[in-house]
Amino acid sequence: MTRLSSAFAKPHPALVCFITAGDGDTAANLDALVEGGADVIELGMPFTDPMADGPAIQAANLRSLGAGTTTADILLIANEFRERHPTVPLVLMGYANPMVRRGPEWFAAECAGCGVDGVICVDIPPEEDEALGPALRAHGIAPIRLATPTTDAARLPAVLEGSAGFLYYVSVAGITGKQQAEIGSIEANVRRIKQSTDLPVAVGFGVRTPDQAREIAQVADGVVVGSALVDLVGQFGAAAPAKMRELTSALAQAVHSSQ
C-alpha cells in the first residue's frame, strides 16, 4: 500500500492538515502537525496569485515569498520532512506556474526524489491533464483532483479520470477560510461522488473547529483543515508550533472519534 492509501485505510477518517511552506519555522510546524495526530500533510507552495485562497493563506503566501522562499527551498523542506517522518503522507498543493515552469518531468522527478506522495494543482483542470498528470503518474505520484458543489454528473467523470490518492471535495463554491457549507449539502454531495469512485473523499474549505471537523468526519473519509492552522503562524510566529500541536490534537481527537 502507498502512504496515502494506508492513511485512509485506518479504522477512522483521516485528518488532513495544510500549512504554507516557508511561512515561519516550517519544519517545526510540520513536526507539530505530525505530533498532534495529522494523518496526511498538505504543504502549500507559495504563489503570487493564489486565486482559490482566502485572506489567511494569501497572507501566508506573502509572508513566505517575502522571506525569499523558492521551489528549491520547498523541495528541501519536503525531503527533510520525509527523512524525519518516513510513513506520513506528504502532498504538495499549489498553482501551475511553479510546478511546470521547468517542465513537468523535472517537477515530478524532484517530487519523487523528495518523497512527495501527491500533488494538488488548483489551476490545471482535468481537460489540461497533459500539462502535469502524465509526468506525476510516471513517477508514482498521485494527481489529486478537486470537486466542488458545481461538479455535476456530466463533469464528475472527467474529474475522476486519472485522479489518485484521494478526491478533495471543496465544500463551498468560493475561497478558503471563511465559509462552511451546511452539513446536509456536504453529506449529499459526498454520497453522490462516492457512487462514482472508490477513491476516499476528503472535505475541506471552511473547517476551523473540532466540532466542525467531527461533524464532517461522520459523512466523509477525511477532513481538511488549513486556514485555522495557517492563522496560528501569522498570530504567534515562533511560538506557533506549540499552538499548532494543540489545535491539531483537538482536531485529530474529534475526527478519529467521530465514527
Foldseek 3Di string as FASTA:
>chain_A
DALLVVLLPPPFFFAEEEAEPQQFPVLLQVVLLVLLPHQAYEYEYQDCCQPQADDLVNVSSVNRVVVPDAPVSVLVSLLVVCVVPVRRAYEYEEADCSCQVVHLLVNLVSCLVSRHAEYEHPPQFLVNCVRHLVNNVVSNHFYEFEDELPCDPVRLVSRPVSGDSAHEYEDHPGHADADHDDLVSLLVVQVVSVVPDPGFYEYHGHDAALVSLLSNSLRGRYYYDYSNLSVLCVVPRNPSSVVSSVRSNSNNVSRRPSD
